[in-house]
Amino acid sequence: MDDSIGFQRLVAAALALLFVYAAWLTRMQGRLREHMLDLLEDVLKVFYGPNFRREREAIDILVKAMDSENPSVRTASREHLVRLTGEDLGADGTAWADWWSDHRSTFRSPGLRVRNS
């Protein structure tokens, strides 16, 4: 009978260690994921420029603003789009929307394109 209790304690201890190991692995997996995402972000910044997320968000907003009924909003939006993209598609909101739809996923700042070409 004493052997049975000793074996049960050994199994319980082994299960406890296994649980601690599984918890540790889960934590390490989370840390590894965080490091991989940070690395990916750094690679994207090198390739697309340090402000690529903000630039894309700004261009999203400016392209939508090209459909404004207010002419001064369209003029200001166009000026900023030309500055940010290096393209001049005029005052046609549809042309800007089509161009942005085609180029958003691969867009790089004009200054970055010149330096890395």
PDB file of N, CA and C in Angstrom:
ATOM      1  N   MET A   1       0.816  -1.194   0.000  1.00  0.00           N
ATOM      2  CA  MET A   1       0.000   0.000   0.000  1.00  0.00           C
ATOM      3  C   MET A   1       0.857   1.253   0.000  1.00  0.00           C
ATOM      4  N   ASP A   2       1.992   1.244   0.712  1.00  0.00           N
ATOM      5  CA  ASP A   2       2.879   2.393   0.748  1.00  0.00           C
ATOM      6  C   ASP A   2       3.453   2.682  -0.631  1.00  0.00           C
ATOM      7  N   ASP A   3       3.698   1.632  -1.419  1.00  0.00           N
ATOM      8  CA  ASP A   3       4.221   1.818  -2.778  1.00  0.00           C
ATOM      9  C   ASP A   3       3.216   2.556  -3.645  1.00  0.00           C
ATOM     10  N   SER A   4       1.949   2.274  -3.473  1.00  0.00           N
ATOM     11  CA  SER A   4       0.894   2.913  -4.255  1.00  0.00           C
ATOM     12  C   SER A   4       0.818   4.408  -3.946  1.00  0.00           C
ATOM     13  N   ILE A   5       0.920   4.786  -2.669  1.00  0.00           N
ATOM     14  CA  ILE A   5       0.874   6.198  -2.280  1.00  0.00           C
ATOM     15  C   ILE A   5       2.120   6.922  -2.796  1.00  0.00           C
ATOM     16  N   GLY A   6       3.277   6.295  -2.702  1.00  0.00           N
ATOM     17  CA  GLY A   6       4.512   6.889  -3.218  1.00  0.00           C
ATOM     18  C   GLY A   6       4.441   7.116  -4.721  1.00  0.00           C
ATOM     19  N   PHE A   7       3.873   6.136  -5.426  1.00  0.00           N
ATOM     20  CA  PHE A   7       3.735   6.258  -6.878  1.00  0.00           C
ATOM     21  C   PHE A   7       2.767   7.387  -7.226  1.00  0.00           C
ATOM     22  N   GLN A   8       1.676   7.507  -6.491  1.00  0.00           N
ATOM     23  CA  GLN A   8       0.705   8.580  -6.736  1.00  0.00           C
ATOM     24  C   GLN A   8       1.345   9.949  -6.513  1.00  0.00           C
ATOM     25  N   ARG A   9       2.167  10.059  -5.473  1.00  0.00           N
ATOM     26  CA  ARG A   9       2.859  11.328  -5.217  1.00  0.00           C
ATOM     27  C   ARG A   9       3.845  11.639  -6.343  1.00  0.00           C
ATOM     28  N   LEU A  10       4.526  10.617  -6.811  1.00  0.00           N
ATOM     29  CA  LEU A  10       5.462  10.806  -7.918  1.00  0.00           C
ATOM     30  C   LEU A  10       4.729  11.268  -9.174  1.00  0.00           C
ATOM     31  N   VAL A  11       3.599  10.660  -9.463  1.00  0.00           N
ATOM     32  CA  VAL A  11       2.797  11.054 -10.626  1.00  0.00           C
ATOM     33  C   VAL A  11       2.283  12.478 -10.447  1.00  0.00           C
ATOM     34  N   ALA A  12       1.815  12.802  -9.237  1.00  0.00           N
ATOM     35  CA  ALA A  12       1.312  14.156  -8.968  1.00  0.00           C
ATOM     36  C   ALA A  12       2.433  15.186  -9.148  1.00  0.00           C
ATOM     37  N   ALA A  13       3.622  14.870  -8.667  1.00  0.00           N
ATOM     38  CA  ALA A  13       4.758  15.783  -8.812  1.00  0.00           C
ATOM     39  C   ALA A  13       5.136  15.937 -10.283  1.00  0.00           C
ATOM     40  N   ALA A  14       5.114  14.838 -11.022  1.00  0.00           N
ATOM     41  CA  ALA A  14       5.438  14.889 -12.447  1.00  0.00           C
ATOM     42  C   ALA A  14       4.403  15.723 -13.207  1.00  0.00           C
ATOM     43  N   LEU A  15       3.139  15.572 -12.867  1.00  0.00           N
ATOM     44  CA  LEU A  15       2.086  16.359 -13.511  1.00  0.00           C
ATOM     45  C   LEU A  15       2.234  17.849 -13.177  1.00  0.00           C
ATOM     46  N   ALA A  16       2.592  18.133 -11.928  1.00  0.00           N
ATOM     47  CA  ALA A  16       2.800  19.528 -11.536  1.00  0.00           C
ATOM     48  C   ALA A  16       3.957  20.132 -12.327  1.00  0.00           C
ATOM     49  N   LEU A  17       5.055  19.393 -12.466  1.00  0.00           N
ATOM     50  CA  LEU A  17       6.187  19.875 -13.253  1.00  0.00           C
ATOM     51  C   LEU A  17       5.814  20.055 -14.722  1.00  0.00           C
ATOM     52  N   LEU A  18       5.027  19.121 -15.223  1.00  0.00           N
ATOM     53  CA  LEU A  18       4.569  19.218 -16.607  1.00  0.00           C
ATOM     54  C   LEU A  18       3.708  20.469 -16.799  1.00  0.00           C
ATOM     55  N   PHE A  19       2.848  20.775 -15.841  1.00  0.00           N
ATOM     56  CA  PHE A  19       2.011  21.972 -15.905  1.00  0.00           C
ATOM     57  C   PHE A  19       2.890  23.232 -15.891  1.00  0.00           C
ATOM     58  N   VAL A  20       3.866  23.274 -15.001  1.00  0.00           N
ATOM     59  CA  VAL A  20       4.768  24.428 -14.918  1.00  0.00           C
ATOM     60  C   VAL A  20       5.537  24.586 -16.229  1.00  0.00           C
ATOM     61  N   TYR A  21       5.992  23.484 -16.797  1.00  0.00           N
ATOM     62  CA  TYR A  21       6.717  23.524 -18.067  1.00  0.00           C
ATOM     63  C   TYR A  21       5.809  24.038 -19.188  1.00  0.00           C
ATOM     64  N   ALA A  22       4.567  23.565 -19.235  1.00  0.00           N
ATOM     65  CA  ALA A  22       3.618  24.013 -20.265  1.00  0.00           C
ATOM     66  C   ALA A  22       3.331  25.504 -20.110  1.00  0.00           C
ATOM     67  N   ALA A  23       3.182  25.966 -18.869  1.00  0.00           N
ATOM     68  CA  ALA A  23       2.950  27.389 -18.634  1.00  0.00           C
ATOM     69  C   ALA A  23       4.161  28.209 -19.083  1.00  0.00           C
ATOM     70  N   TRP A  24       5.357  27.726 -18.794  1.00  0.00           N
ATOM     71  CA  TRP A  24       6.575  28.408 -19.216  1.00  0.00           C
ATOM     72  C   TRP A  24       6.660  28.472 -20.738  1.00  0.00           C
ATOM     73  N   LEU A  25       6.350  27.352 -21.402  1.00  0.00           N
ATOM     74  CA  LEU A  25       6.379  27.333 -22.866  1.00  0.00           C
ATOM     75  C   LEU A  25       5.384  28.327 -23.454  1.00  0.00           C
ATOM     76  N   THR A  26       4.208  28.418 -22.865  1.00  0.00           N
ATOM     77  CA  THR A  26       3.194  29.356 -23.337  1.00  0.00           C
ATOM     78  C   THR A  26       3.696  30.792 -23.200  1.00  0.00           C
ATOM     79  N   ARG A  27       4.314  31.083 -22.070  1.00  0.00           N
ATOM     80  CA  ARG A  27       4.864  32.430 -21.861  1.00  0.00           C
ATOM     81  C   ARG A  27       5.970  32.720 -22.880  1.00  0.00           C
ATOM     82  N   MET A  28       6.847  31.772 -23.101  1.00  0.00           N
ATOM     83  CA  MET A  28       7.939  31.970 -24.055  1.00  0.00           C
ATOM     84  C   MET A  28       7.402  32.137 -25.471  1.00  0.00           C
ATOM     85  N   GLN A  29       6.337  31.418 -25.799  1.00  0.00           N
ATOM     86  CA  GLN A  29       5.738  31.548 -27.119  1.00  0.00           C
ATOM     87  C   GLN A  29       5.199  32.967 -27.301  1.00  0.00           C
ATOM     88  N   GLY A  30       4.566  33.509 -26.260  1.00  0.00           N
ATOM     89  CA  GLY A  30       4.069  34.884 -26.323  1.00  0.00           C
ATOM     90  C   GLY A  30       5.193  35.890 -26.491  1.00  0.00           C
ATOM     91  N   ARG A  31       6.279  35.689 -25.769  1.00  0.00           N
ATOM     92  CA  ARG A  31       7.428  36.597 -25.890  1.00  0.00           C
ATOM     93  C   ARG A  31       8.051  36.495 -27.280  1.00  0.00           C
ATOM     94  N   LEU A  32       8.163  35.285 -27.789  1.00  0.00           N
ATOM     95  CA  LEU A  32       8.718  35.094 -29.127  1.00  0.00           C
ATOM     96  C   LEU A  32       7.838  35.788 -30.163  1.00  0.00           C
ATOM     97  N   ARG A  33       6.526  35.667 -30.010  1.00  0.00           N
ATOM     98  CA  ARG A  33       5.599  36.322 -30.928  1.00  0.00           C
ATOM     99  C   ARG A  33       5.798  37.836 -30.886  1.00  0.00           C
ATOM    100  N   GLU A  34       5.928  38.404 -29.673  1.00  0.00           N
ATOM    101  CA  GLU A  34       6.161  39.839 -29.543  1.00  0.00           C
ATOM    102  C   GLU A  34       7.460  40.255 -30.235  1.00  0.00           C
ATOM    103  N   HIS A  35       8.503  39.478 -30.052  1.00  0.00           N
ATOM    104  CA  HIS A  35       9.792  39.801 -30.687  1.00  0.00           C
ATOM    105  C   HIS A  35       9.700  39.695 -32.206  1.00  0.00           C
ATOM    106  N   MET A  36       8.981  38.707 -32.689  1.00  0.00           N
ATOM    107  CA  MET A  36       8.827  38.553 -34.136  1.00  0.00           C
ATOM    108  C   MET A  36       8.032  39.723 -34.720  1.00  0.00           C
ATOM    109  N   LEU A  37       6.983  40.168 -34.029  1.00  0.00           N
ATOM    110  CA  LEU A  37       6.210  41.307 -34.507  1.00  0.00           C
ATOM    111  C   LEU A  37       7.045  42.583 -34.494  1.00  0.00           C
ATOM    112  N   ASP A  38       7.864  42.764 -33.460  1.00  0.00           N
ATOM    113  CA  ASP A  38       8.763  43.925 -33.417  1.00  0.00           C
ATOM    114  C   ASP A  38       9.760  43.887 -34.569  1.00  0.00           C
ATOM    115  N   LEU A  39      10.300  42.711 -34.836  1.00  0.00           N
ATOM    116  CA  LEU A  39      11.246  42.559 -35.939  1.00  0.00           C
ATOM    117  C   LEU A  39      10.574  42.856 -37.273  1.00  0.00           C
ATOM    118  N   LEU A  40       9.370  42.345 -37.461  1.00  0.00           N
ATOM    119  CA  LEU A  40       8.632  42.609 -38.692  1.00  0.00           C
ATOM    120  C   LEU A  40       8.367  44.097 -38.856  1.00  0.00           C
ATOM    121  N   GLU A  41       8.000  44.762 -37.774  1.00  0.00           N
ATOM    122  CA  GLU A  41       7.762  46.206 -37.819  1.00  0.00           C
ATOM    123  C   GLU A  41       9.042  46.944 -38.223  1.00  0.00           C
ATOM    124  N   ASP A  42      10.169  46.534 -37.687  1.00  0.00           N
ATOM    125  CA  ASP A  42      11.444  47.166 -38.043  1.00  0.00           C
ATOM    126  C   ASP A  42      11.781  46.953 -39.513  1.00  0.00           C
ATOM    127  N   VAL A  43      11.538  45.757 -40.018  1.00  0.00           N
ATOM    128  CA  VAL A  43      11.796  45.472 -41.436  1.00  0.00           C
ATOM    129  C   VAL A  43      10.891  46.334 -42.319  1.00  0.00           C
ATOM    130  N   LEU A  44       9.621  46.439 -41.948  1.00  0.00           N
ATOM    131  CA  LEU A  44       8.693  47.268 -42.724  1.00  0.00           C
ATOM    132  C   LEU A  44       9.127  48.732 -42.715  1.00  0.00           C
ATOM    133  N   LYS A  45       9.627  49.209 -41.577  1.00  0.00           N
ATOM    134  CA  LYS A  45      10.093  50.598 -41.498  1.00  0.00           C
ATOM    135  C   LYS A  45      11.298  50.829 -42.400  1.00  0.00           C
ATOM    136  N   VAL A  46      12.199  49.858 -42.473  1.00  0.00           N
ATOM    137  CA  VAL A  46      13.366  49.999 -43.343  1.00  0.00           C
ATOM    138  C   VAL A  46      12.930  50.042 -44.809  1.00  0.00           C
ATOM    139  N   PHE A  47      12.006  49.164 -45.165  1.00  0.00           N
ATOM    140  CA  PHE A  47      11.599  49.071 -46.567  1.00  0.00           C
ATOM    141  C   PHE A  47      10.652  50.192 -46.981  1.00  0.00           C
ATOM    142  N   TYR A  48       9.640  50.494 -46.130  1.00  0.00           N
ATOM    143  CA  TYR A  48       8.607  51.467 -46.498  1.00  0.00           C
ATOM    144  C   TYR A  48       8.809  52.851 -45.895  1.00  0.00           C
ATOM    145  N   GLY A  49       9.776  53.011 -45.005  1.00  0.00           N
ATOM    146  CA  GLY A  49      10.015  54.305 -44.377  1.00  0.00           C
ATOM    147  C   GLY A  49       9.537  54.299 -42.934  1.00  0.00           C
ATOM    148  N   PRO A  50      10.123  55.170 -42.115  1.00  0.00           N
ATOM    149  CA  PRO A  50       9.838  55.147 -40.679  1.00  0.00           C
ATOM    150  C   PRO A  50       8.411  55.542 -40.325  1.00  0.00           C
ATOM    151  N   ASN A  51       7.735  56.274 -41.190  1.00  0.00           N
ATOM    152  CA  ASN A  51       6.372  56.737 -40.901  1.00  0.00           C
ATOM    153  C   ASN A  51       5.334  56.097 -41.803  1.00  0.00           C
ATOM    154  N   PHE A  52       5.622  54.900 -42.285  1.00  0.00           N
ATOM    155  CA  PHE A  52       4.754  54.313 -43.306  1.00  0.00           C
ATOM    156  C   PHE A  52       3.317  54.134 -42.847  1.00  0.00           C
ATOM    157  N   ARG A  53       3.097  53.790 -41.608  1.00  0.00           N
ATOM    158  CA  ARG A  53       1.713  53.597 -41.131  1.00  0.00           C
ATOM    159  C   ARG A  53       0.958  54.927 -41.108  1.00  0.00           C
ATOM    160  N   ARG A  54       1.597  55.954 -40.567  1.00  0.00           N
ATOM    161  CA  ARG A  54       0.933  57.258 -40.507  1.00  0.00           C
ATOM    162  C   ARG A  54       0.708  57.835 -41.897  1.00  0.00           C
ATOM    163  N   GLU A  55       1.673  57.659 -42.789  1.00  0.00           N
ATOM    164  CA  GLU A  55       1.518  58.168 -44.153  1.00  0.00           C
ATOM    165  C   GLU A  55       0.339  57.487 -44.847  1.00  0.00           C
ATOM    166  N   ARG A  56       0.229  56.191 -44.694  1.00  0.00           N
ATOM    167  CA  ARG A  56      -0.878  55.472 -45.336  1.00  0.00           C
ATOM    168  C   ARG A  56      -2.222  55.886 -44.760  1.00  0.00           C
ATOM    169  N   GLU A  57      -2.268  56.075 -43.444  1.00  0.00           N
ATOM    170  CA  GLU A  57      -3.519  56.530 -42.829  1.00  0.00           C
ATOM    171  C   GLU A  57      -3.877  57.925 -43.327  1.00  0.00           C
ATOM    172  N   ALA A  58      -2.874  58.793 -43.435  1.00  0.00           N
ATOM    173  CA  ALA A  58      -3.116  60.155 -43.923  1.00  0.00           C
ATOM    174  C   ALA A  58      -3.614  60.123 -45.364  1.00  0.00           C
ATOM    175  N   ILE A  59      -3.003  59.295 -46.188  1.00  0.00           N
ATOM    176  CA  ILE A  59      -3.427  59.210 -47.587  1.00  0.00           C
ATOM    177  C   ILE A  59      -4.838  58.650 -47.675  1.00  0.00           C
ATOM    178  N   ASP A  60      -5.169  57.668 -46.832  1.00  0.00           N
ATOM    179  CA  ASP A  60      -6.552  57.153 -46.790  1.00  0.00           C
ATOM    180  C   ASP A  60      -7.534  58.303 -46.560  1.00  0.00           C
ATOM    181  N   ILE A  61      -7.244  59.133 -45.567  1.00  0.00           N
ATOM    182  CA  ILE A  61      -8.136  60.240 -45.218  1.00  0.00           C
ATOM    183  C   ILE A  61      -8.198  61.267 -46.339  1.00  0.00           C
ATOM    184  N   LEU A  62      -7.029  61.596 -46.907  1.00  0.00           N
ATOM    185  CA  LEU A  62      -6.985  62.604 -47.969  1.00  0.00           C
ATOM    186  C   LEU A  62      -7.716  62.144 -49.232  1.00  0.00           C
ATOM    187  N   VAL A  63      -7.601  60.879 -49.557  1.00  0.00           N
ATOM    188  CA  VAL A  63      -8.312  60.353 -50.736  1.00  0.00           C
ATOM    189  C   VAL A  63      -9.821  60.458 -50.513  1.00  0.00           C
ATOM    190  N   LYS A  64     -10.278  60.139 -49.316  1.00  0.00           N
ATOM    191  CA  LYS A  64     -11.717  60.280 -49.014  1.00  0.00           C
ATOM    192  C   LYS A  64     -12.134  61.748 -49.066  1.00  0.00           C
ATOM    193  N   ALA A  65     -11.251  62.636 -48.614  1.00  0.00           N
ATOM    194  CA  ALA A  65     -11.565  64.071 -48.614  1.00  0.00           C
ATOM    195  C   ALA A  65     -11.674  64.628 -50.031  1.00  0.00           C
ATOM    196  N   MET A  66     -11.110  63.949 -51.001  1.00  0.00           N
ATOM    197  CA  MET A  66     -11.212  64.405 -52.390  1.00  0.00           C
ATOM    198  C   MET A  66     -12.656  64.365 -52.891  1.00  0.00           C
ATOM    199  N   ASP A  67     -13.525  63.663 -52.197  1.00  0.00           N
ATOM    200  CA  ASP A  67     -14.949  63.610 -52.574  1.00  0.00           C
ATOM    201  C   ASP A  67     -15.778  64.679 -51.864  1.00  0.00           C
ATOM    202  N   SER A  68     -15.131  65.559 -51.118  1.00  0.00           N
ATOM    203  CA  SER A  68     -15.838  66.609 -50.386  1.00  0.00           C
ATOM    204  C   SER A  68     -16.523  67.565 -51.348  1.00  0.00           C
ATOM    205  N   GLU A  69     -17.624  68.121 -50.899  1.00  0.00           N
ATOM    206  CA  GLU A  69     -18.314  69.133 -51.699  1.00  0.00           C
ATOM    207  C   GLU A  69     -17.642  70.495 -51.570  1.00  0.00           C
ATOM    208  N   ASN A  70     -16.799  70.651 -50.568  1.00  0.00           N
ATOM    209  CA  ASN A  70     -16.111  71.910 -50.324  1.00  0.00           C
ATOM    210  C   ASN A  70     -14.848  71.987 -51.193  1.00  0.00           C
ATOM    211  N   PRO A  71     -14.784  72.951 -52.111  1.00  0.00           N
ATOM    212  CA  PRO A  71     -13.621  73.056 -53.000  1.00  0.00           C
ATOM    213  C   PRO A  71     -12.296  73.285 -52.265  1.00  0.00           C
ATOM    214  N   SER A  72     -12.311  74.029 -51.162  1.00  0.00           N
ATOM    215  CA  SER A  72     -11.065  74.278 -50.440  1.00  0.00           C
ATOM    216  C   SER A  72     -10.555  72.993 -49.781  1.00  0.00           C
ATOM    217  N   VAL A  73     -11.454  72.113 -49.365  1.00  0.00           N
ATOM    218  CA  VAL A  73     -11.045  70.816 -48.800  1.00  0.00           C
ATOM    219  C   VAL A  73     -10.398  69.970 -49.887  1.00  0.00           C
ATOM    220  N   ARG A  74     -11.014  69.955 -51.083  1.00  0.00           N
ATOM    221  CA  ARG A  74     -10.448  69.183 -52.196  1.00  0.00           C
ATOM    222  C   ARG A  74      -9.074  69.737 -52.601  1.00  0.00           C
ATOM    223  N   THR A  75      -8.935  71.053 -52.629  1.00  0.00           N
ATOM    224  CA  THR A  75      -7.663  71.670 -53.011  1.00  0.00           C
ATOM    225  C   THR A  75      -6.568  71.323 -52.006  1.00  0.00           C
ATOM    226  N   ALA A  76      -6.882  71.471 -50.727  1.00  0.00           N
ATOM    227  CA  ALA A  76      -5.890  71.153 -49.688  1.00  0.00           C
ATOM    228  C   ALA A  76      -5.543  69.664 -49.718  1.00  0.00           C
ATOM    229  N   SER A  77      -6.548  68.814 -49.912  1.00  0.00           N
ATOM    230  CA  SER A  77      -6.306  67.367 -49.971  1.00  0.00           C
ATOM    231  C   SER A  77      -5.399  67.017 -51.135  1.00  0.00           C
ATOM    232  N   ARG A  78      -5.665  67.622 -52.279  1.00  0.00           N
ATOM    233  CA  ARG A  78      -4.839  67.361 -53.461  1.00  0.00           C
ATOM    234  C   ARG A  78      -3.396  67.787 -53.219  1.00  0.00           C
ATOM    235  N   GLU A  79      -3.204  68.966 -52.639  1.00  0.00           N
ATOM    236  CA  GLU A  79      -1.844  69.443 -52.369  1.00  0.00           C
ATOM    237  C   GLU A  79      -1.083  68.475 -51.461  1.00  0.00           C
ATOM    238  N   HIS A  80      -1.759  67.990 -50.428  1.00  0.00           N
ATOM    239  CA  HIS A  80      -1.100  67.054 -49.509  1.00  0.00           C
ATOM    240  C   HIS A  80      -0.874  65.688 -50.158  1.00  0.00           C
ATOM    241  N   LEU A  81      -1.811  65.268 -51.000  1.00  0.00           N
ATOM    242  CA  LEU A  81      -1.622  63.996 -51.715  1.00  0.00           C
ATOM    243  C   LEU A  81      -0.415  64.066 -52.645  1.00  0.00           C
ATOM    244  N   VAL A  82      -0.286  65.171 -53.359  1.00  0.00           N
ATOM    245  CA  VAL A  82       0.864  65.350 -54.257  1.00  0.00           C
ATOM    246  C   VAL A  82       2.158  65.317 -53.449  1.00  0.00           C
ATOM    247  N   ARG A  83       2.173  66.017 -52.306  1.00  0.00           N
ATOM    248  CA  ARG A  83       3.366  66.064 -51.458  1.00  0.00           C
ATOM    249  C   ARG A  83       3.711  64.679 -50.911  1.00  0.00           C
ATOM    250  N   LEU A  84       2.716  63.943 -50.448  1.00  0.00           N
ATOM    251  CA  LEU A  84       2.972  62.639 -49.830  1.00  0.00           C
ATOM    252  C   LEU A  84       3.264  61.532 -50.833  1.00  0.00           C
ATOM    253  N   THR A  85       2.637  61.602 -52.023  1.00  0.00           N
ATOM    254  CA  THR A  85       2.753  60.485 -52.967  1.00  0.00           C
ATOM    255  C   THR A  85       3.728  60.744 -54.107  1.00  0.00           C
ATOM    256  N   GLY A  86       3.970  62.015 -54.412  1.00  0.00           N
ATOM    257  CA  GLY A  86       4.798  62.319 -55.580  1.00  0.00           C
ATOM    258  C   GLY A  86       4.023  62.189 -56.875  1.00  0.00           C
ATOM    259  N   GLU A  87       2.731  61.969 -56.786  1.00  0.00           N
ATOM    260  CA  GLU A  87       1.858  61.849 -57.958  1.00  0.00           C
ATOM    261  C   GLU A  87       0.972  63.086 -58.024  1.00  0.00           C
ATOM    262  N   ASP A  88       0.526  63.440 -59.237  1.00  0.00           N
ATOM    263  CA  ASP A  88      -0.454  64.512 -59.377  1.00  0.00           C
ATOM    264  C   ASP A  88      -1.538  64.029 -60.329  1.00  0.00           C
ATOM    265  N   LEU A  89      -2.629  63.615 -59.750  1.00  0.00           N
ATOM    266  CA  LEU A  89      -3.739  63.091 -60.541  1.00  0.00           C
ATOM    267  C   LEU A  89      -4.854  64.107 -60.700  1.00  0.00           C
ATOM    268  N   GLY A  90      -4.549  65.352 -60.431  1.00  0.00           N
ATOM    269  CA  GLY A  90      -5.545  66.404 -60.590  1.00  0.00           C
ATOM    270  C   GLY A  90      -6.563  66.396 -59.463  1.00  0.00           C
ATOM    271  N   ALA A  91      -7.718  66.969 -59.765  1.00  0.00           N
ATOM    272  CA  ALA A  91      -8.763  67.128 -58.751  1.00  0.00           C
ATOM    273  C   ALA A  91      -9.805  66.026 -58.817  1.00  0.00           C
ATOM    274  N   ASP A  92      -9.529  64.962 -59.551  1.00  0.00           N
ATOM    275  CA  ASP A  92     -10.481  63.871 -59.721  1.00  0.00           C
ATOM    276  C   ASP A  92     -10.378  62.878 -58.561  1.00  0.00           C
ATOM    277  N   GLY A  93     -11.352  62.906 -57.677  1.00  0.00           N
ATOM    278  CA  GLY A  93     -11.362  62.016 -56.515  1.00  0.00           C
ATOM    279  C   GLY A  93     -11.375  60.547 -56.893  1.00  0.00           C
ATOM    280  N   THR A  94     -12.065  60.214 -57.973  1.00  0.00           N
ATOM    281  CA  THR A  94     -12.135  58.814 -58.419  1.00  0.00           C
ATOM    282  C   THR A  94     -10.767  58.336 -58.899  1.00  0.00           C
ATOM    283  N   ALA A  95     -10.050  59.204 -59.602  1.00  0.00           N
ATOM    284  CA  ALA A  95      -8.711  58.838 -60.078  1.00  0.00           C
ATOM    285  C   ALA A  95      -7.783  58.578 -58.893  1.00  0.00           C
ATOM    286  N   TRP A  96      -7.874  59.422 -57.871  1.00  0.00           N
ATOM    287  CA  TRP A  96      -7.058  59.223 -56.673  1.00  0.00           C
ATOM    288  C   TRP A  96      -7.448  57.922 -55.969  1.00  0.00           C
ATOM    289  N   ALA A  97      -8.726  57.674 -55.845  1.00  0.00           N
ATOM    290  CA  ALA A  97      -9.194  56.454 -55.161  1.00  0.00           C
ATOM    291  C   ALA A  97      -8.729  55.210 -55.919  1.00  0.00           C
ATOM    292  N   ASP A  98      -8.823  55.246 -57.249  1.00  0.00           N
ATOM    293  CA  ASP A  98      -8.375  54.097 -58.050  1.00  0.00           C
ATOM    294  C   ASP A  98      -6.867  53.900 -57.923  1.00  0.00           C
ATOM    295  N   TRP A  99      -6.116  54.996 -58.006  1.00  0.00           N
ATOM    296  CA  TRP A  99      -4.663  54.903 -57.896  1.00  0.00           C
ATOM    297  C   TRP A  99      -4.271  54.349 -56.527  1.00  0.00           C
ATOM    298  N   TRP A 100      -4.898  54.862 -55.477  1.00  0.00           N
ATOM    299  CA  TRP A 100      -4.561  54.425 -54.122  1.00  0.00           C
ATOM    300  C   TRP A 100      -4.940  52.964 -53.915  1.00  0.00           C
ATOM    301  N   SER A 101      -6.039  52.554 -54.474  1.00  0.00           N
ATOM    302  CA  SER A 101      -6.450  51.149 -54.377  1.00  0.00           C
ATOM    303  C   SER A 101      -5.405  50.235 -55.020  1.00  0.00           C
ATOM    304  N   ASP A 102      -4.830  50.678 -56.113  1.00  0.00           N
ATOM    305  CA  ASP A 102      -3.815  49.883 -56.815  1.00  0.00           C
ATOM    306  C   ASP A 102      -2.443  49.931 -56.146  1.00  0.00           C
ATOM    307  N   HIS A 103      -2.131  51.003 -55.427  1.00  0.00           N
ATOM    308  CA  HIS A 103      -0.777  51.209 -54.906  1.00  0.00           C
ATOM    309  C   HIS A 103      -0.627  51.138 -53.388  1.00  0.00           C
ATOM    310  N   ARG A 104      -1.723  51.040 -52.661  1.00  0.00           N
ATOM    311  CA  ARG A 104      -1.639  51.131 -51.196  1.00  0.00           C
ATOM    312  C   ARG A 104      -0.735  50.060 -50.592  1.00  0.00           C
ATOM    313  N   SER A 105      -0.868  48.836 -51.041  1.00  0.00           N
ATOM    314  CA  SER A 105      -0.115  47.742 -50.411  1.00  0.00           C
ATOM    315  C   SER A 105       1.387  47.813 -50.683  1.00  0.00           C
ATOM    316  N   THR A 106       1.795  48.494 -51.739  1.00  0.00           N
ATOM    317  CA  THR A 106       3.221  48.564 -52.077  1.00  0.00           C
ATOM    318  C   THR A 106       3.768  49.989 -52.018  1.00  0.00           C
ATOM    319  N   PHE A 107       2.971  50.916 -51.500  1.00  0.00           N
ATOM    320  CA  PHE A 107       3.365  52.323 -51.504  1.00  0.00           C
ATOM    321  C   PHE A 107       4.609  52.576 -50.672  1.00  0.00           C
ATOM    322  N   ARG A 108       5.535  53.331 -51.247  1.00  0.00           N
ATOM    323  CA  ARG A 108       6.738  53.804 -50.552  1.00  0.00           C
ATOM    324  C   ARG A 108       6.829  55.305 -50.767  1.00  0.00           C
ATOM    325  N   SER A 109       7.260  56.018 -49.763  1.00  0.00           N
ATOM    326  CA  SER A 109       7.403  57.478 -49.861  1.00  0.00           C
ATOM    327  C   SER A 109       8.308  57.833 -51.035  1.00  0.00           C
ATOM    328  N   PRO A 110       7.999  58.917 -51.750  1.00  0.00           N
ATOM    329  CA  PRO A 110       8.834  59.302 -52.897  1.00  0.00           C
ATOM    330  C   PRO A 110      10.305  59.472 -52.539  1.00  0.00           C
ATOM    331  N   GLY A 111      10.619  60.102 -51.416  1.00  0.00           N
ATOM    332  CA  GLY A 111      12.007  60.287 -51.014  1.00  0.00           C
ATOM    333  C   GLY A 111      12.704  58.964 -50.757  1.00  0.00           C
ATOM    334  N   LEU A 112      11.992  58.014 -50.222  1.00  0.00           N
ATOM    335  CA  LEU A 112      12.551  56.698 -49.952  1.00  0.00           C
ATOM    336  C   LEU A 112      12.798  55.943 -51.258  1.00  0.00           C
ATOM    337  N   ARG A 113      11.920  56.105 -52.220  1.00  0.00           N
ATOM    338  CA  ARG A 113      12.096  55.430 -53.509  1.00  0.00           C
ATOM    339  C   ARG A 113      13.370  55.909 -54.198  1.00  0.00           C
ATOM    340  N   VAL A 114      13.647  57.199 -54.112  1.00  0.00           N
ATOM    341  CA  VAL A 114      14.835  57.760 -54.776  1.00  0.00           C
ATOM    342  C   VAL A 114      16.106  57.237 -54.089  1.00  0.00           C
ATOM    343  N   ARG A 115      16.128  57.240 -52.748  1.00  0.00           N
ATOM    344  CA  ARG A 115      17.310  56.805 -52.015  1.00  0.00           C
ATOM    345  C   ARG A 115      17.604  55.326 -52.204  1.00  0.00           C
ATOM    346  N   ASN A 116      16.565  54.484 -52.263  1.00  0.00           N
ATOM    347  CA  ASN A 116      16.762  53.030 -52.316  1.00  0.00           C
ATOM    348  C   ASN A 116      16.772  52.475 -53.728  1.00  0.00           C
ATOM    349  N   SER A 117      16.584  53.289 -54.731  1.00  0.00           N
ATOM    350  CA  SER A 117      16.553  52.771 -56.111  1.00  0.00           C
ATOM    351  C   SER A 117      17.936  52.473 -56.608  1.00  0.00           C
TER     352      SER A 117
END
